[in-house]
Amino acid sequence: MLPPGFQEWAESVSLWQVVGWAASLAAVIGFVVFMRKKGWPWLLGTARAILTFARVVDAVQGLPDFIDRTDKTLEHQNKKIAEIHHEVHFNNGTSVKDAVTRVEADVKKLLADEEGNTP
C-alpha cells in the first residue's frame, strides 16, 4: 500500500526525530504568528527609533558649525544695534535724535515768531 521508498524511510525514522520535526514546525509557525501580530510592530518601532537616533547624531555633528555661524551673525547684529543706538540717543549733537530735537526747537521758534507777527 505505501510506496516502497516511503516505507523504508518511515522505518528508519525514530520517534525522537518525528517529535523534533514537529517541534521545529511548531516553532516556525509560532514565530510567523508572533511576528505578524506583535513582533512586526515592535521591529518597525525599533527601526524608527534607530533612524531617529541617527538623525539626532547628524544634527549634533553639525552643531559646532551652526554655533560658529550664529556667533558671526550675532556679532554683526550687535554692531548694527550699536549704530542704531548711537543714532537714537542723545550724544552731544551727532545723532539723528539730536538733529530732530534741534529742528523741532527751530520750528517752534519759527511758529512763535509767525504767531507774533500775525495781525
PDB file of N, CA and C in Angstrom:
ATOM      1  N   MET A   1       0.795  -1.182   0.000  1.00  0.00           N
ATOM      2  CA  MET A   1       0.000   0.000   0.000  1.00  0.00           C
ATOM      3  C   MET A   1       0.856   1.273   0.000  1.00  0.00           C
ATOM      4  N   LEU A   2       1.817   1.350   0.860  1.00  0.00           N
ATOM      5  CA  LEU A   2       2.701   2.505   0.888  1.00  0.00           C
ATOM      6  C   LEU A   2       3.756   2.374  -0.198  1.00  0.00           C
ATOM      7  N   PRO A   3       4.164   3.495  -0.728  1.00  0.00           N
ATOM      8  CA  PRO A   3       5.231   3.427  -1.727  1.00  0.00           C
ATOM      9  C   PRO A   3       6.488   2.819  -1.093  1.00  0.00           C
ATOM     10  N   PRO A   4       7.287   2.117  -1.857  1.00  0.00           N
ATOM     11  CA  PRO A   4       8.435   1.433  -1.278  1.00  0.00           C
ATOM     12  C   PRO A   4       9.441   2.387  -0.624  1.00  0.00           C
ATOM     13  N   GLY A   5       9.705   3.503  -1.200  1.00  0.00           N
ATOM     14  CA  GLY A   5      10.668   4.440  -0.611  1.00  0.00           C
ATOM     15  C   GLY A   5      10.172   5.010   0.701  1.00  0.00           C
ATOM     16  N   PHE A   6       8.881   5.255   0.766  1.00  0.00           N
ATOM     17  CA  PHE A   6       8.306   5.834   1.974  1.00  0.00           C
ATOM     18  C   PHE A   6       8.358   4.833   3.125  1.00  0.00           C
ATOM     19  N   GLN A   7       8.096   3.582   2.838  1.00  0.00           N
ATOM     20  CA  GLN A   7       8.101   2.564   3.897  1.00  0.00           C
ATOM     21  C   GLN A   7       9.511   2.422   4.473  1.00  0.00           C
ATOM     22  N   GLU A   8      10.528   2.441   3.624  1.00  0.00           N
ATOM     23  CA  GLU A   8      11.909   2.363   4.123  1.00  0.00           C
ATOM     24  C   GLU A   8      12.243   3.585   4.974  1.00  0.00           C
ATOM     25  N   TRP A   9      11.818   4.713   4.481  1.00  0.00           N
ATOM     26  CA  TRP A   9      12.105   5.950   5.218  1.00  0.00           C
ATOM     27  C   TRP A   9      11.396   5.944   6.570  1.00  0.00           C
ATOM     28  N   ALA A  10      10.118   5.548   6.588  1.00  0.00           N
ATOM     29  CA  ALA A  10       9.336   5.519   7.821  1.00  0.00           C
ATOM     30  C   ALA A  10       9.945   4.552   8.831  1.00  0.00           C
ATOM     31  N   GLU A  11      10.502   3.457   8.370  1.00  0.00           N
ATOM     32  CA  GLU A  11      11.125   2.502   9.287  1.00  0.00           C
ATOM     33  C   GLU A  11      12.450   3.026   9.833  1.00  0.00           C
ATOM     34  N   SER A  12      13.129   3.916   9.065  1.00  0.00           N
ATOM     35  CA  SER A  12      14.434   4.418   9.513  1.00  0.00           C
ATOM     36  C   SER A  12      14.309   5.613  10.465  1.00  0.00           C
ATOM     37  N   VAL A  13      13.136   6.229  10.560  1.00  0.00           N
ATOM     38  CA  VAL A  13      12.939   7.407  11.396  1.00  0.00           C
ATOM     39  C   VAL A  13      12.543   6.966  12.801  1.00  0.00           C
ATOM     40  N   SER A  14      13.217   7.612  13.787  1.00  0.00           N
ATOM     41  CA  SER A  14      12.871   7.285  15.174  1.00  0.00           C
ATOM     42  C   SER A  14      11.763   8.226  15.654  1.00  0.00           C
ATOM     43  N   LEU A  15      11.183   7.851  16.761  1.00  0.00           N
ATOM     44  CA  LEU A  15      10.130   8.670  17.356  1.00  0.00           C
ATOM     45  C   LEU A  15      10.675  10.039  17.757  1.00  0.00           C
ATOM     46  N   TRP A  16      11.906  10.103  18.248  1.00  0.00           N
ATOM     47  CA  TRP A  16      12.501  11.378  18.656  1.00  0.00           C
ATOM     48  C   TRP A  16      12.704  12.315  17.470  1.00  0.00           C
ATOM     49  N   GLN A  17      13.020  11.750  16.319  1.00  0.00           N
ATOM     50  CA  GLN A  17      13.154  12.585  15.127  1.00  0.00           C
ATOM     51  C   GLN A  17      11.803  13.187  14.724  1.00  0.00           C
ATOM     52  N   VAL A  18      10.762  12.409  14.801  1.00  0.00           N
ATOM     53  CA  VAL A  18       9.421  12.918  14.485  1.00  0.00           C
ATOM     54  C   VAL A  18       9.022  14.015  15.463  1.00  0.00           C
ATOM     55  N   VAL A  19       9.296  13.805  16.745  1.00  0.00           N
ATOM     56  CA  VAL A  19       8.988  14.824  17.761  1.00  0.00           C
ATOM     57  C   VAL A  19       9.800  16.084  17.486  1.00  0.00           C
ATOM     58  N   GLY A  20      11.061  15.927  17.120  1.00  0.00           N
ATOM     59  CA  GLY A  20      11.912  17.083  16.804  1.00  0.00           C
ATOM     60  C   GLY A  20      11.392  17.859  15.614  1.00  0.00           C
ATOM     61  N   TRP A  21      10.962  17.141  14.550  1.00  0.00           N
ATOM     62  CA  TRP A  21      10.409  17.819  13.373  1.00  0.00           C
ATOM     63  C   TRP A  21       9.119  18.554  13.715  1.00  0.00           C
ATOM     64  N   ALA A  22       8.290  17.910  14.503  1.00  0.00           N
ATOM     65  CA  ALA A  22       7.022  18.540  14.893  1.00  0.00           C
ATOM     66  C   ALA A  22       7.284  19.794  15.734  1.00  0.00           C
ATOM     67  N   ALA A  23       8.243  19.698  16.662  1.00  0.00           N
ATOM     68  CA  ALA A  23       8.575  20.858  17.500  1.00  0.00           C
ATOM     69  C   ALA A  23       9.158  21.985  16.649  1.00  0.00           C
ATOM     70  N   SER A  24      10.002  21.639  15.686  1.00  0.00           N
ATOM     71  CA  SER A  24      10.581  22.654  14.800  1.00  0.00           C
ATOM     72  C   SER A  24       9.505  23.330  13.962  1.00  0.00           C
ATOM     73  N   LEU A  25       8.584  22.529  13.433  1.00  0.00           N
ATOM     74  CA  LEU A  25       7.486  23.082  12.645  1.00  0.00           C
ATOM     75  C   LEU A  25       6.602  23.985  13.500  1.00  0.00           C
ATOM     76  N   ALA A  26       6.331  23.577  14.729  1.00  0.00           N
ATOM     77  CA  ALA A  26       5.521  24.404  15.635  1.00  0.00           C
ATOM     78  C   ALA A  26       6.251  25.699  15.973  1.00  0.00           C
ATOM     79  N   ALA A  27       7.571  25.622  16.143  1.00  0.00           N
ATOM     80  CA  ALA A  27       8.343  26.826  16.447  1.00  0.00           C
ATOM     81  C   ALA A  27       8.321  27.796  15.271  1.00  0.00           C
ATOM     82  N   VAL A  28       8.452  27.303  14.068  1.00  0.00           N
ATOM     83  CA  VAL A  28       8.413  28.166  12.881  1.00  0.00           C
ATOM     84  C   VAL A  28       7.043  28.806  12.732  1.00  0.00           C
ATOM     85  N   ILE A  29       5.993  28.005  12.903  1.00  0.00           N
ATOM     86  CA  ILE A  29       4.635  28.552  12.800  1.00  0.00           C
ATOM     87  C   ILE A  29       4.400  29.577  13.912  1.00  0.00           C
ATOM     88  N   GLY A  30       4.850  29.273  15.121  1.00  0.00           N
ATOM     89  CA  GLY A  30       4.708  30.218  16.236  1.00  0.00           C
ATOM     90  C   GLY A  30       5.461  31.512  15.981  1.00  0.00           C
ATOM     91  N   PHE A  31       6.665  31.414  15.406  1.00  0.00           N
ATOM     92  CA  PHE A  31       7.452  32.607  15.104  1.00  0.00           C
ATOM     93  C   PHE A  31       6.748  33.469  14.058  1.00  0.00           C
ATOM     94  N   VAL A  32       6.207  32.843  13.032  1.00  0.00           N
ATOM     95  CA  VAL A  32       5.497  33.590  11.982  1.00  0.00           C
ATOM     96  C   VAL A  32       4.274  34.291  12.570  1.00  0.00           C
ATOM     97  N   VAL A  33       3.514  33.581  13.388  1.00  0.00           N
ATOM     98  CA  VAL A  33       2.327  34.185  14.007  1.00  0.00           C
ATOM     99  C   VAL A  33       2.738  35.327  14.928  1.00  0.00           C
ATOM    100  N   PHE A  34       3.780  35.128  15.732  1.00  0.00           N
ATOM    101  CA  PHE A  34       4.251  36.175  16.637  1.00  0.00           C
ATOM    102  C   PHE A  34       4.699  37.408  15.853  1.00  0.00           C
ATOM    103  N   MET A  35       5.462  37.197  14.786  1.00  0.00           N
ATOM    104  CA  MET A  35       5.951  38.333  14.000  1.00  0.00           C
ATOM    105  C   MET A  35       4.795  39.101  13.356  1.00  0.00           C
ATOM    106  N   ARG A  36       3.771  38.407  12.925  1.00  0.00           N
ATOM    107  CA  ARG A  36       2.640  39.104  12.305  1.00  0.00           C
ATOM    108  C   ARG A  36       1.863  39.917  13.311  1.00  0.00           C
ATOM    109  N   LYS A  37       1.697  39.398  14.511  1.00  0.00           N
ATOM    110  CA  LYS A  37       0.828  40.074  15.482  1.00  0.00           C
ATOM    111  C   LYS A  37       1.571  41.064  16.376  1.00  0.00           C
ATOM    112  N   LYS A  38       2.708  40.659  16.905  1.00  0.00           N
ATOM    113  CA  LYS A  38       3.382  41.519  17.883  1.00  0.00           C
ATOM    114  C   LYS A  38       4.792  41.897  17.465  1.00  0.00           C
ATOM    115  N   GLY A  39       5.466  41.012  16.837  1.00  0.00           N
ATOM    116  CA  GLY A  39       6.870  41.246  16.506  1.00  0.00           C
ATOM    117  C   GLY A  39       7.088  42.288  15.440  1.00  0.00           C
ATOM    118  N   TRP A  40       6.234  42.286  14.416  1.00  0.00           N
ATOM    119  CA  TRP A  40       6.417  43.237  13.324  1.00  0.00           C
ATOM    120  C   TRP A  40       6.265  44.683  13.785  1.00  0.00           C
ATOM    121  N   PRO A  41       5.224  45.024  14.535  1.00  0.00           N
ATOM    122  CA  PRO A  41       5.146  46.405  15.029  1.00  0.00           C
ATOM    123  C   PRO A  41       6.350  46.765  15.912  1.00  0.00           C
ATOM    124  N   TRP A  42       6.805  45.825  16.708  1.00  0.00           N
ATOM    125  CA  TRP A  42       7.974  46.082  17.548  1.00  0.00           C
ATOM    126  C   TRP A  42       9.204  46.311  16.688  1.00  0.00           C
ATOM    127  N   LEU A  43       9.362  45.496  15.642  1.00  0.00           N
ATOM    128  CA  LEU A  43      10.501  45.638  14.738  1.00  0.00           C
ATOM    129  C   LEU A  43      10.457  46.989  14.024  1.00  0.00           C
ATOM    130  N   LEU A  44       9.279  47.412  13.571  1.00  0.00           N
ATOM    131  CA  LEU A  44       9.145  48.726  12.927  1.00  0.00           C
ATOM    132  C   LEU A  44       9.457  49.855  13.905  1.00  0.00           C
ATOM    133  N   GLY A  45       8.963  49.728  15.124  1.00  0.00           N
ATOM    134  CA  GLY A  45       9.244  50.748  16.134  1.00  0.00           C
ATOM    135  C   GLY A  45      10.730  50.845  16.436  1.00  0.00           C
ATOM    136  N   THR A  46      11.387  49.714  16.517  1.00  0.00           N
ATOM    137  CA  THR A  46      12.827  49.715  16.768  1.00  0.00           C
ATOM    138  C   THR A  46      13.577  50.352  15.598  1.00  0.00           C
ATOM    139  N   ALA A  47      13.169  50.034  14.382  1.00  0.00           N
ATOM    140  CA  ALA A  47      13.809  50.630  13.210  1.00  0.00           C
ATOM    141  C   ALA A  47      13.611  52.144  13.193  1.00  0.00           C
ATOM    142  N   ARG A  48      12.411  52.608  13.532  1.00  0.00           N
ATOM    143  CA  ARG A  48      12.160  54.057  13.583  1.00  0.00           C
ATOM    144  C   ARG A  48      13.023  54.721  14.653  1.00  0.00           C
ATOM    145  N   ALA A  49      13.169  54.064  15.789  1.00  0.00           N
ATOM    146  CA  ALA A  49      13.996  54.618  16.866  1.00  0.00           C
ATOM    147  C   ALA A  49      15.449  54.723  16.423  1.00  0.00           C
ATOM    148  N   ILE A  50      15.937  53.727  15.715  1.00  0.00           N
ATOM    149  CA  ILE A  50      17.317  53.763  15.235  1.00  0.00           C
ATOM    150  C   ILE A  50      17.493  54.895  14.223  1.00  0.00           C
ATOM    151  N   LEU A  51      16.535  55.065  13.322  1.00  0.00           N
ATOM    152  CA  LEU A  51      16.629  56.154  12.339  1.00  0.00           C
ATOM    153  C   LEU A  51      16.560  57.526  13.005  1.00  0.00           C
ATOM    154  N   THR A  52      15.706  57.670  14.003  1.00  0.00           N
ATOM    155  CA  THR A  52      15.619  58.936  14.736  1.00  0.00           C
ATOM    156  C   THR A  52      16.928  59.226  15.455  1.00  0.00           C
ATOM    157  N   PHE A  53      17.509  58.216  16.058  1.00  0.00           N
ATOM    158  CA  PHE A  53      18.801  58.387  16.736  1.00  0.00           C
ATOM    159  C   PHE A  53      19.867  58.821  15.735  1.00  0.00           C
ATOM    160  N   ALA A  54      19.850  58.236  14.540  1.00  0.00           N
ATOM    161  CA  ALA A  54      20.824  58.614  13.519  1.00  0.00           C
ATOM    162  C   ALA A  54      20.642  60.079  13.111  1.00  0.00           C
ATOM    163  N   ARG A  55      19.391  60.530  13.010  1.00  0.00           N
ATOM    164  CA  ARG A  55      19.147  61.949  12.678  1.00  0.00           C
ATOM    165  C   ARG A  55      19.663  62.870  13.782  1.00  0.00           C
ATOM    166  N   VAL A  56      19.468  62.467  15.019  1.00  0.00           N
ATOM    167  CA  VAL A  56      19.964  63.270  16.147  1.00  0.00           C
ATOM    168  C   VAL A  56      21.488  63.348  16.101  1.00  0.00           C
ATOM    169  N   VAL A  57      22.128  62.234  15.827  1.00  0.00           N
ATOM    170  CA  VAL A  57      23.594  62.227  15.738  1.00  0.00           C
ATOM    171  C   VAL A  57      24.057  63.152  14.621  1.00  0.00           C
ATOM    172  N   ASP A  58      23.399  63.120  13.457  1.00  0.00           N
ATOM    173  CA  ASP A  58      23.752  64.024  12.360  1.00  0.00           C
ATOM    174  C   ASP A  58      23.585  65.480  12.771  1.00  0.00           C
ATOM    175  N   ALA A  59      22.499  65.773  13.460  1.00  0.00           N
ATOM    176  CA  ALA A  59      22.252  67.157  13.894  1.00  0.00           C
ATOM    177  C   ALA A  59      23.302  67.604  14.889  1.00  0.00           C
ATOM    178  N   VAL A  60      23.688  66.741  15.789  1.00  0.00           N
ATOM    179  CA  VAL A  60      24.692  67.094  16.798  1.00  0.00           C
ATOM    180  C   VAL A  60      26.049  67.299  16.135  1.00  0.00           C
ATOM    181  N   GLN A  61      26.355  66.523  15.096  1.00  0.00           N
ATOM    182  CA  GLN A  61      27.627  66.697  14.401  1.00  0.00           C
ATOM    183  C   GLN A  61      27.693  68.048  13.706  1.00  0.00           C
ATOM    184  N   GLY A  62      26.566  68.572  13.241  1.00  0.00           N
ATOM    185  CA  GLY A  62      26.546  69.867  12.582  1.00  0.00           C
ATOM    186  C   GLY A  62      26.438  71.036  13.543  1.00  0.00           C
ATOM    187  N   LEU A  63      26.324  70.763  14.829  1.00  0.00           N
ATOM    188  CA  LEU A  63      26.125  71.816  15.822  1.00  0.00           C
ATOM    189  C   LEU A  63      27.297  72.796  15.924  1.00  0.00           C
ATOM    190  N   PRO A  64      28.568  72.376  15.915  1.00  0.00           N
ATOM    191  CA  PRO A  64      29.664  73.355  16.003  1.00  0.00           C
ATOM    192  C   PRO A  64      29.637  74.375  14.861  1.00  0.00           C
ATOM    193  N   ASP A  65      29.352  73.924  13.630  1.00  0.00           N
ATOM    194  CA  ASP A  65      29.268  74.873  12.510  1.00  0.00           C
ATOM    195  C   ASP A  65      28.109  75.840  12.715  1.00  0.00           C
ATOM    196  N   PHE A  66      26.993  75.344  13.201  1.00  0.00           N
ATOM    197  CA  PHE A  66      25.841  76.201  13.469  1.00  0.00           C
ATOM    198  C   PHE A  66      26.189  77.255  14.530  1.00  0.00           C
ATOM    199  N   ILE A  67      26.892  76.842  15.555  1.00  0.00           N
ATOM    200  CA  ILE A  67      27.278  77.775  16.618  1.00  0.00           C
ATOM    201  C   ILE A  67      28.194  78.862  16.056  1.00  0.00           C
ATOM    202  N   ASP A  68      29.161  78.476  15.205  1.00  0.00           N
ATOM    203  CA  ASP A  68      30.063  79.467  14.605  1.00  0.00           C
ATOM    204  C   ASP A  68      29.291  80.462  13.741  1.00  0.00           C
ATOM    205  N   ARG A  69      28.373  79.940  12.912  1.00  0.00           N
ATOM    206  CA  ARG A  69      27.574  80.839  12.069  1.00  0.00           C
ATOM    207  C   ARG A  69      26.725  81.778  12.915  1.00  0.00           C
ATOM    208  N   THR A  70      26.157  81.247  13.980  1.00  0.00           N
ATOM    209  CA  THR A  70      25.311  82.059  14.853  1.00  0.00           C
ATOM    210  C   THR A  70      26.136  83.135  15.549  1.00  0.00           C
ATOM    211  N   ASP A  71      27.326  82.787  16.009  1.00  0.00           N
ATOM    212  CA  ASP A  71      28.186  83.776  16.667  1.00  0.00           C
ATOM    213  C   ASP A  71      28.554  84.903  15.707  1.00  0.00           C
ATOM    214  N   LYS A  72      28.874  84.554  14.454  1.00  0.00           N
ATOM    215  CA  LYS A  72      29.216  85.602  13.467  1.00  0.00           C
ATOM    216  C   LYS A  72      28.010  86.491  13.185  1.00  0.00           C
ATOM    217  N   THR A  73      26.831  85.879  13.068  1.00  0.00           N
ATOM    218  CA  THR A  73      25.619  86.652  12.816  1.00  0.00           C
ATOM    219  C   THR A  73      25.323  87.578  13.987  1.00  0.00           C
ATOM    220  N   LEU A  74      25.442  87.071  15.200  1.00  0.00           N
ATOM    221  CA  LEU A  74      25.174  87.905  16.377  1.00  0.00           C
ATOM    222  C   LEU A  74      26.184  89.041  16.493  1.00  0.00           C
ATOM    223  N   GLU A  75      27.430  88.771  16.150  1.00  0.00           N
ATOM    224  CA  GLU A  75      28.447  89.830  16.193  1.00  0.00           C
ATOM    225  C   GLU A  75      28.080  90.946  15.215  1.00  0.00           C
ATOM    226  N   HIS A  76      27.672  90.570  14.005  1.00  0.00           N
ATOM    227  CA  HIS A  76      27.252  91.556  13.001  1.00  0.00           C
ATOM    228  C   HIS A  76      26.024  92.325  13.489  1.00  0.00           C
ATOM    229  N   GLN A  77      25.061  91.616  14.062  1.00  0.00           N
ATOM    230  CA  GLN A  77      23.856  92.278  14.559  1.00  0.00           C
ATOM    231  C   GLN A  77      24.181  93.219  15.714  1.00  0.00           C
ATOM    232  N   ASN A  78      25.087  92.834  16.574  1.00  0.00           N
ATOM    233  CA  ASN A  78      25.459  93.705  17.696  1.00  0.00           C
ATOM    234  C   ASN A  78      26.074  95.009  17.195  1.00  0.00           C
ATOM    235  N   LYS A  79      26.876  94.934  16.122  1.00  0.00           N
ATOM    236  CA  LYS A  79      27.449  96.164  15.547  1.00  0.00           C
ATOM    237  C   LYS A  79      26.340  97.064  15.009  1.00  0.00           C
ATOM    238  N   LYS A  80      25.385  96.456  14.310  1.00  0.00           N
ATOM    239  CA  LYS A  80      24.282  97.245  13.756  1.00  0.00           C
ATOM    240  C   LYS A  80      23.429  97.855  14.872  1.00  0.00           C
ATOM    241  N   ILE A  81      23.187  97.106  15.917  1.00  0.00           N
ATOM    242  CA  ILE A  81      22.402  97.628  17.046  1.00  0.00           C
ATOM    243  C   ILE A  81      23.139  98.780  17.711  1.00  0.00           C
ATOM    244  N   ALA A  82      24.450  98.683  17.826  1.00  0.00           N
ATOM    245  CA  ALA A  82      25.230  99.781  18.416  1.00  0.00           C
ATOM    246  C   ALA A  82      25.117 101.036  17.552  1.00  0.00           C
ATOM    247  N   GLU A  83      25.142 100.860  16.220  1.00  0.00           N
ATOM    248  CA  GLU A  83      24.987 102.018  15.331  1.00  0.00           C
ATOM    249  C   GLU A  83      23.610 102.654  15.503  1.00  0.00           C
ATOM    250  N   ILE A  84      22.580 101.828  15.578  1.00  0.00           N
ATOM    251  CA  ILE A  84      21.221 102.342  15.762  1.00  0.00           C
ATOM    252  C   ILE A  84      21.107 103.032  17.109  1.00  0.00           C
ATOM    253  N   HIS A  85      21.653 102.430  18.135  1.00  0.00           N
ATOM    254  CA  HIS A  85      21.612 103.025  19.481  1.00  0.00           C
ATOM    255  C   HIS A  85      22.282 104.389  19.462  1.00  0.00           C
ATOM    256  N   HIS A  86      23.395 104.500  18.758  1.00  0.00           N
ATOM    257  CA  HIS A  86      24.114 105.774  18.670  1.00  0.00           C
ATOM    258  C   HIS A  86      23.236 106.857  18.035  1.00  0.00           C
ATOM    259  N   GLU A  87      22.427 106.461  17.067  1.00  0.00           N
ATOM    260  CA  GLU A  87      21.610 107.442  16.352  1.00  0.00           C
ATOM    261  C   GLU A  87      20.322 107.821  17.066  1.00  0.00           C
ATOM    262  N   VAL A  88      19.804 107.002  17.941  1.00  0.00           N
ATOM    263  CA  VAL A  88      18.514 107.307  18.557  1.00  0.00           C
ATOM    264  C   VAL A  88      18.631 107.788  20.000  1.00  0.00           C
ATOM    265  N   HIS A  89      19.841 107.998  20.482  1.00  0.00           N
ATOM    266  CA  HIS A  89      20.042 108.545  21.830  1.00  0.00           C
ATOM    267  C   HIS A  89      20.867 109.837  21.731  1.00  0.00           C
ATOM    268  N   PHE A  90      20.669 110.689  22.704  1.00  0.00           N
ATOM    269  CA  PHE A  90      21.427 111.948  22.729  1.00  0.00           C
ATOM    270  C   PHE A  90      22.912 111.642  22.895  1.00  0.00           C
ATOM    271  N   ASN A  91      23.752 112.311  22.075  1.00  0.00           N
ATOM    272  CA  ASN A  91      25.186 112.132  22.218  1.00  0.00           C
ATOM    273  C   ASN A  91      25.936 113.403  21.808  1.00  0.00           C
ATOM    274  N   ASN A  92      25.493 114.514  22.338  1.00  0.00           N
ATOM    275  CA  ASN A  92      26.158 115.808  22.147  1.00  0.00           C
ATOM    276  C   ASN A  92      26.143 116.304  20.711  1.00  0.00           C
ATOM    277  N   GLY A  93      25.038 116.078  19.999  1.00  0.00           N
ATOM    278  CA  GLY A  93      24.841 116.725  18.712  1.00  0.00           C
ATOM    279  C   GLY A  93      25.082 115.903  17.469  1.00  0.00           C
ATOM    280  N   THR A  94      25.591 114.694  17.550  1.00  0.00           N
ATOM    281  CA  THR A  94      25.901 113.951  16.319  1.00  0.00           C
ATOM    282  C   THR A  94      24.855 112.902  15.945  1.00  0.00           C
ATOM    283  N   SER A  95      23.878 112.699  16.782  1.00  0.00           N
ATOM    284  CA  SER A  95      22.884 111.669  16.479  1.00  0.00           C
ATOM    285  C   SER A  95      21.694 112.257  15.749  1.00  0.00           C
ATOM    286  N   VAL A  96      20.913 111.376  15.153  1.00  0.00           N
ATOM    287  CA  VAL A  96      19.680 111.795  14.494  1.00  0.00           C
ATOM    288  C   VAL A  96      18.730 112.390  15.525  1.00  0.00           C
ATOM    289  N   LYS A  97      18.712 111.823  16.715  1.00  0.00           N
ATOM    290  CA  LYS A  97      17.827 112.336  17.759  1.00  0.00           C
ATOM    291  C   LYS A  97      18.196 113.783  18.110  1.00  0.00           C
ATOM    292  N   ASP A  98      19.496 114.073  18.201  1.00  0.00           N
ATOM    293  CA  ASP A  98      19.916 115.462  18.470  1.00  0.00           C
ATOM    294  C   ASP A  98      19.475 116.390  17.338  1.00  0.00           C
ATOM    295  N   ALA A  99      19.618 115.898  16.090  1.00  0.00           N
ATOM    296  CA  ALA A  99      19.230 116.733  14.949  1.00  0.00           C
ATOM    297  C   ALA A  99      17.726 116.978  14.952  1.00  0.00           C
ATOM    298  N   VAL A 100      16.942 115.987  15.251  1.00  0.00           N
ATOM    299  CA  VAL A 100      15.486 116.150  15.292  1.00  0.00           C
ATOM    300  C   VAL A 100      15.110 117.130  16.398  1.00  0.00           C
ATOM    301  N   THR A 101      15.768 117.035  17.537  1.00  0.00           N
ATOM    302  CA  THR A 101      15.477 117.955  18.634  1.00  0.00           C
ATOM    303  C   THR A 101      15.801 119.397  18.230  1.00  0.00           C
ATOM    304  N   ARG A 102      16.922 119.593  17.530  1.00  0.00           N
ATOM    305  CA  ARG A 102      17.275 120.941  17.058  1.00  0.00           C
ATOM    306  C   ARG A 102      16.245 121.464  16.061  1.00  0.00           C
ATOM    307  N   VAL A 103      15.831 120.600  15.117  1.00  0.00           N
ATOM    308  CA  VAL A 103      14.848 121.017  14.116  1.00  0.00           C
ATOM    309  C   VAL A 103      13.528 121.348  14.804  1.00  0.00           C
ATOM    310  N   GLU A 104      13.138 120.542  15.770  1.00  0.00           N
ATOM    311  CA  GLU A 104      11.894 120.778  16.495  1.00  0.00           C
ATOM    312  C   GLU A 104      11.951 122.122  17.234  1.00  0.00           C
ATOM    313  N   ALA A 105      13.068 122.405  17.853  1.00  0.00           N
ATOM    314  CA  ALA A 105      13.207 123.677  18.570  1.00  0.00           C
ATOM    315  C   ALA A 105      13.146 124.850  17.586  1.00  0.00           C
ATOM    316  N   ASP A 106      13.805 124.697  16.422  1.00  0.00           N
ATOM    317  CA  ASP A 106      13.789 125.768  15.423  1.00  0.00           C
ATOM    318  C   ASP A 106      12.383 125.991  14.864  1.00  0.00           C
ATOM    319  N   VAL A 107      11.649 124.906  14.649  1.00  0.00           N
ATOM    320  CA  VAL A 107      10.284 125.025  14.146  1.00  0.00           C
ATOM    321  C   VAL A 107       9.410 125.738  15.177  1.00  0.00           C
ATOM    322  N   LYS A 108       9.601 125.405  16.454  1.00  0.00           N
ATOM    323  CA  LYS A 108       8.822 126.085  17.497  1.00  0.00           C
ATOM    324  C   LYS A 108       9.137 127.576  17.511  1.00  0.00           C
ATOM    325  N   LYS A 109      10.399 127.953  17.327  1.00  0.00           N
ATOM    326  CA  LYS A 109      10.776 129.367  17.279  1.00  0.00           C
ATOM    327  C   LYS A 109      10.120 130.055  16.088  1.00  0.00           C
ATOM    328  N   LEU A 110      10.152 129.366  14.924  1.00  0.00           N
ATOM    329  CA  LEU A 110       9.543 129.934  13.742  1.00  0.00           C
ATOM    330  C   LEU A 110       8.026 130.131  13.926  1.00  0.00           C
ATOM    331  N   LEU A 111       7.402 129.120  14.538  1.00  0.00           N
ATOM    332  CA  LEU A 111       5.968 129.247  14.792  1.00  0.00           C
ATOM    333  C   LEU A 111       5.681 130.378  15.775  1.00  0.00           C
ATOM    334  N   ALA A 112       6.525 130.508  16.781  1.00  0.00           N
ATOM    335  CA  ALA A 112       6.321 131.588  17.768  1.00  0.00           C
ATOM    336  C   ALA A 112       6.514 132.940  17.086  1.00  0.00           C
ATOM    337  N   ASP A 113       7.534 133.048  16.223  1.00  0.00           N
ATOM    338  CA  ASP A 113       7.775 134.297  15.518  1.00  0.00           C
ATOM    339  C   ASP A 113       6.612 134.595  14.571  1.00  0.00           C
ATOM    340  N   GLU A 114       6.094 133.565  13.926  1.00  0.00           N
ATOM    341  CA  GLU A 114       4.987 133.738  12.995  1.00  0.00           C
ATOM    342  C   GLU A 114       3.728 134.159  13.739  1.00  0.00           C
ATOM    343  N   GLU A 115       3.482 133.580  14.906  1.00  0.00           N
ATOM    344  CA  GLU A 115       2.309 133.967  15.694  1.00  0.00           C
ATOM    345  C   GLU A 115       2.445 135.402  16.206  1.00  0.00           C
ATOM    346  N   GLY A 116       3.686 135.799  16.520  1.00  0.00           N
ATOM    347  CA  GLY A 116       3.899 137.163  16.998  1.00  0.00           C
ATOM    348  C   GLY A 116       3.727 138.188  15.897  1.00  0.00           C
ATOM    349  N   ASN A 117       3.958 137.820  14.661  1.00  0.00           N
ATOM    350  CA  ASN A 117       3.849 138.734  13.521  1.00  0.00           C
ATOM    351  C   ASN A 117       2.461 138.682  12.885  1.00  0.00           C
ATOM    352  N   THR A 118       1.608 137.826  13.330  1.00  0.00           N
ATOM    353  CA  THR A 118       0.286 137.715  12.742  1.00  0.00           C
ATOM    354  C   THR A 118      -0.593 138.832  13.278  1.00  0.00           C
ATOM    355  N   PRO A 119      -1.276 139.637  12.336  1.00  0.00           N
ATOM    356  CA  PRO A 119      -2.146 140.738  12.796  1.00  0.00           C
ATOM    357  C   PRO A 119      -3.434 140.279  13.406  1.00  0.00           C
TER     358      PRO A 119
END
